[in-house]
Amino acid sequence: MEIEEFFGEQFHHWRERFRYYEMAITELESDLGIIDLDWQTRLGYSPIEHVKTRMKTLPSIIRKMKQKQLPLEVEALWDNVHDVAGVRIVTSFRDDIYAILEHLQTRDDLKIDVIKDYIEHPKPSGYRSLHLIVRTKVYLAERVIWVPAEIQIRTLAMDFWAATEHKLQYKYQQQIPEASRHELTEAANMADALDTQMGRIRKEILK
């Protein structure tokens, strides 16, 4: 079935909103690039190791809306699904995560609606990351809009674990054996211990 046929009369509204999500990703990626360059210029160091972006696929969006028992309407998407546009900021050190959060909280072109700290409160799987549900300011030709997005901030160690765990979940179709799940949790704890050790070494060097 063609996308136009699936959405019917709403197709143009959905396409417009998807353009807004794309604009939000472009805006956030550009802003973070400028922040990174500014920190490197002024301080000789930037906490941003690299930035990744992604857009949820249409099947993923529809699946999430069904899970939330939402009507397949563009306003329901806009108001209730806040991670269609996603940005991931990867840092070297755990302290850098909170330095970036502190900076983002001062910006007048970004509104942080929700902070989910899975570093202080890891998921049962061992997953760690800082998640922000935000609205970013996007300047159109004739008006300004605020577009919802999700920002994830995590260390290189957290990112490696999360990416590997995701691939394993996909391979085993979300049915990873119990013994392997236990090992994955142990690996997450080892990654956290590495972050702690590297942070301690950094503080010793910078004394």
Protein backbone atom coordinates (compact mmCIF):
# COMPACT_ATOMS: atom_id res chain seq x y z
CA MET A 1 0.00 0.00 0.00
CA GLU A 2 1.30 3.46 -0.91
CA ILE A 3 1.89 5.91 1.96
CA GLU A 4 -0.54 8.39 0.39
CA GLU A 5 -3.24 5.73 0.32
CA PHE A 6 -2.53 4.65 3.92
CA PHE A 7 -2.94 8.16 5.35
CA GLY A 8 -5.64 9.26 2.93
CA GLU A 9 -6.68 12.89 3.36
CA GLN A 10 -4.18 13.31 6.23
CA PHE A 11 -1.17 12.55 4.05
CA HIS A 12 -0.16 16.18 3.47
CA HIS A 13 -0.44 16.96 7.21
CA TRP A 14 1.78 13.99 8.05
CA ARG A 15 4.33 14.98 5.41
CA GLU A 16 4.41 18.53 6.80
CA ARG A 17 5.06 17.31 10.34
CA PHE A 18 7.81 14.99 9.17
CA ARG A 19 9.47 17.97 7.53
CA TYR A 20 9.31 19.75 10.89
CA TYR A 21 11.02 16.81 12.58
CA GLU A 22 13.74 16.88 9.93
CA MET A 23 14.17 20.62 10.51
CA ALA A 24 14.48 20.02 14.27
CA ILE A 25 17.26 17.48 13.72
CA THR A 26 19.06 19.88 11.39
CA GLU A 27 18.70 22.70 13.94
CA LEU A 28 19.94 20.63 16.88
CA GLU A 29 22.85 19.17 14.93
CA SER A 30 23.91 22.64 13.80
CA ASP A 31 23.59 24.11 17.31
CA LEU A 32 25.62 21.29 18.84
CA GLY A 33 28.30 21.72 16.17
CA ILE A 34 28.59 25.40 17.07
CA ILE A 35 28.68 24.61 20.81
CA ASP A 36 31.41 22.03 20.20
CA LEU A 37 33.51 24.49 18.18
CA ASP A 38 33.00 27.26 20.74
CA TRP A 39 34.12 25.07 23.65
CA GLN A 40 37.18 23.91 21.71
CA THR A 41 38.07 27.51 20.80
CA ARG A 42 37.60 29.01 24.26
CA LEU A 43 38.58 26.13 26.51
CA GLY A 44 40.74 23.90 24.32
CA TYR A 45 38.41 21.01 25.16
CA SER A 46 34.87 20.01 24.25
CA PRO A 47 32.85 17.43 26.19
CA ILE A 48 31.18 16.40 22.92
CA GLU A 49 32.92 13.38 21.40
CA HIS A 50 30.45 13.05 18.53
CA VAL A 51 26.77 13.51 17.66
CA LYS A 52 24.42 11.07 15.96
CA THR A 53 20.92 11.77 14.66
CA ARG A 54 18.01 9.61 13.59
CA MET A 55 14.36 9.75 12.55
CA LYS A 56 11.95 7.04 13.64
CA THR A 57 10.71 4.99 10.71
CA LEU A 58 7.03 5.02 9.84
CA PRO A 59 6.47 1.36 10.89
CA SER A 60 8.15 2.13 14.24
CA ILE A 61 5.94 5.21 14.73
CA ILE A 62 2.76 3.30 13.91
CA ARG A 63 3.79 0.47 16.27
CA LYS A 64 4.41 2.93 19.10
CA MET A 65 1.10 4.72 18.54
CA LYS A 66 -0.74 1.40 18.65
CA GLN A 67 1.08 0.47 21.87
CA LYS A 68 -0.07 3.77 23.37
CA GLN A 69 -3.57 3.14 21.99
CA LEU A 70 -3.46 6.40 20.06
CA PRO A 71 -5.49 7.16 16.95
CA LEU A 72 -3.35 7.29 13.80
CA GLU A 73 -3.77 11.04 13.54
CA VAL A 74 -1.02 13.60 13.13
CA GLU A 75 -2.04 15.64 16.19
CA ALA A 76 -1.98 12.52 18.35
CA LEU A 77 1.56 11.87 17.11
CA TRP A 78 2.67 15.46 17.72
CA ASP A 79 1.24 15.62 21.25
CA ASN A 80 2.09 12.14 22.53
CA VAL A 81 5.13 10.71 20.70
CA HIS A 82 8.13 12.88 21.48
CA ASP A 83 11.02 10.84 20.12
CA VAL A 84 10.31 10.86 16.39
CA ALA A 85 13.31 13.18 16.00
CA GLY A 86 16.29 11.93 17.95
CA VAL A 87 19.78 13.23 18.70
CA ARG A 88 22.46 11.33 20.60
CA ILE A 89 25.41 13.15 22.13
CA VAL A 90 28.36 10.92 23.05
CA THR A 91 30.97 12.05 25.57
CA SER A 92 34.25 10.66 26.88
CA PHE A 93 33.48 11.14 30.58
CA ARG A 94 30.38 10.80 32.75
CA ASP A 95 30.83 14.30 34.21
CA ASP A 96 30.67 15.71 30.68
CA ILE A 97 27.09 14.46 30.36
CA TYR A 98 25.95 16.74 33.16
CA ALA A 99 28.08 19.64 31.87
CA ILE A 100 26.20 19.41 28.57
CA LEU A 101 22.86 19.18 30.39
CA GLU A 102 23.74 22.28 32.41
CA HIS A 103 24.50 24.18 29.22
CA LEU A 104 21.32 23.05 27.45
CA GLN A 105 19.27 24.23 30.43
CA THR A 106 20.51 27.80 29.86
CA ARG A 107 19.50 28.07 26.20
CA ASP A 108 16.49 30.13 25.18
CA ASP A 109 16.02 28.18 21.93
CA LEU A 110 15.46 24.89 23.75
CA LYS A 111 12.83 23.89 26.30
CA ILE A 112 13.50 20.78 28.37
CA ASP A 113 10.20 19.20 29.37
CA VAL A 114 11.37 15.89 30.86
CA ILE A 115 14.68 14.57 32.20
CA LYS A 116 15.05 10.79 32.59
CA ASP A 117 18.30 9.90 34.33
CA TYR A 118 19.08 6.27 33.59
CA ILE A 119 22.63 6.82 34.84
CA GLU A 120 21.63 7.41 38.44
CA HIS A 121 18.74 4.96 37.99
CA PRO A 122 19.76 2.32 35.41
CA LYS A 123 17.19 0.11 33.73
CA PRO A 124 17.05 -3.53 34.94
CA SER A 125 19.01 -4.55 31.83
CA GLY A 126 21.89 -2.31 32.93
CA TYR A 127 21.14 0.36 30.30
CA ARG A 128 22.52 3.78 31.23
CA SER A 129 21.98 7.13 29.50
CA LEU A 130 20.51 10.56 30.15
CA HIS A 131 17.32 11.17 28.17
CA LEU A 132 15.80 14.60 27.58
CA ILE A 133 12.40 15.26 26.04
CA VAL A 134 12.75 18.74 24.55
CA ARG A 135 11.19 21.23 22.20
CA THR A 136 13.57 23.04 19.90
CA LYS A 137 12.89 26.37 18.22
CA VAL A 138 12.71 26.21 14.44
CA TYR A 139 12.48 29.35 12.30
CA LEU A 140 10.27 28.94 9.25
CA ALA A 141 9.98 31.56 6.53
CA GLU A 142 6.88 33.14 8.08
CA ARG A 143 6.70 31.88 11.66
CA VAL A 144 8.48 30.14 14.51
CA ILE A 145 7.53 26.68 15.75
CA TRP A 146 8.65 24.50 18.65
CA VAL A 147 9.29 20.92 17.57
CA PRO A 148 9.44 17.97 20.02
CA ALA A 149 12.57 15.82 20.02
CA GLU A 150 14.53 13.46 22.21
CA ILE A 151 18.16 14.05 23.17
CA GLN A 152 20.18 11.18 24.61
CA ILE A 153 23.53 11.89 26.26
CA ARG A 154 25.86 9.04 27.15
CA THR A 155 29.53 8.12 27.40
CA LEU A 156 31.46 6.10 24.82
CA ALA A 157 31.29 3.08 27.13
CA MET A 158 27.52 3.43 27.58
CA ASP A 159 27.08 3.89 23.84
CA PHE A 160 29.11 0.79 22.99
CA TRP A 161 27.10 -1.33 25.42
CA ALA A 162 23.74 0.03 24.21
CA ALA A 163 24.60 -0.45 20.52
CA THR A 164 25.83 -4.00 21.08
CA GLU A 165 22.86 -4.94 23.26
CA HIS A 166 20.49 -3.57 20.60
CA LYS A 167 22.12 -5.72 17.90
CA LEU A 168 21.84 -8.82 20.09
CA GLN A 169 18.19 -8.08 20.85
CA TYR A 170 17.55 -7.82 17.11
CA LYS A 171 19.42 -11.06 16.36
CA TYR A 172 17.50 -12.99 19.02
CA GLN A 173 14.18 -11.21 18.26
CA GLN A 174 13.96 -9.83 21.82
CA GLN A 175 14.37 -13.39 23.21
CA ILE A 176 17.92 -13.35 24.60
CA PRO A 177 18.57 -16.38 26.84
CA GLU A 178 18.46 -15.71 30.59
CA ALA A 179 22.15 -16.52 31.11
CA SER A 180 23.13 -14.12 28.33
CA ARG A 181 20.90 -11.38 29.75
CA HIS A 182 22.69 -11.76 33.07
CA GLU A 183 26.06 -11.46 31.32
CA LEU A 184 24.87 -8.34 29.48
CA THR A 185 23.91 -6.75 32.79
CA GLU A 186 27.33 -7.61 34.19
CA ALA A 187 28.94 -6.07 31.10
CA ALA A 188 26.91 -2.88 31.65
CA ASN A 189 28.19 -2.74 35.22
CA MET A 190 31.75 -3.22 33.96
CA ALA A 191 31.26 -0.34 31.50
CA ASP A 192 30.00 1.79 34.38
CA ALA A 193 33.04 0.84 36.46
CA LEU A 194 35.27 1.86 33.53
CA ASP A 195 33.53 5.25 33.36
CA THR A 196 34.08 5.68 37.11
CA GLN A 197 37.77 4.76 36.86
CA MET A 198 38.43 7.01 33.86
CA GLY A 199 36.67 9.89 35.60
CA ARG A 200 38.83 9.37 38.68
CA ILE A 201 42.02 9.30 36.60
CA ARG A 202 40.96 12.49 34.83
CA LYS A 203 40.42 14.28 38.14
CA GLU A 204 43.83 13.16 39.40
CA ILE A 205 45.53 14.49 36.25
CA LEU A 206 43.68 17.82 36.39
CA LYS A 207 44.50 18.49 40.06
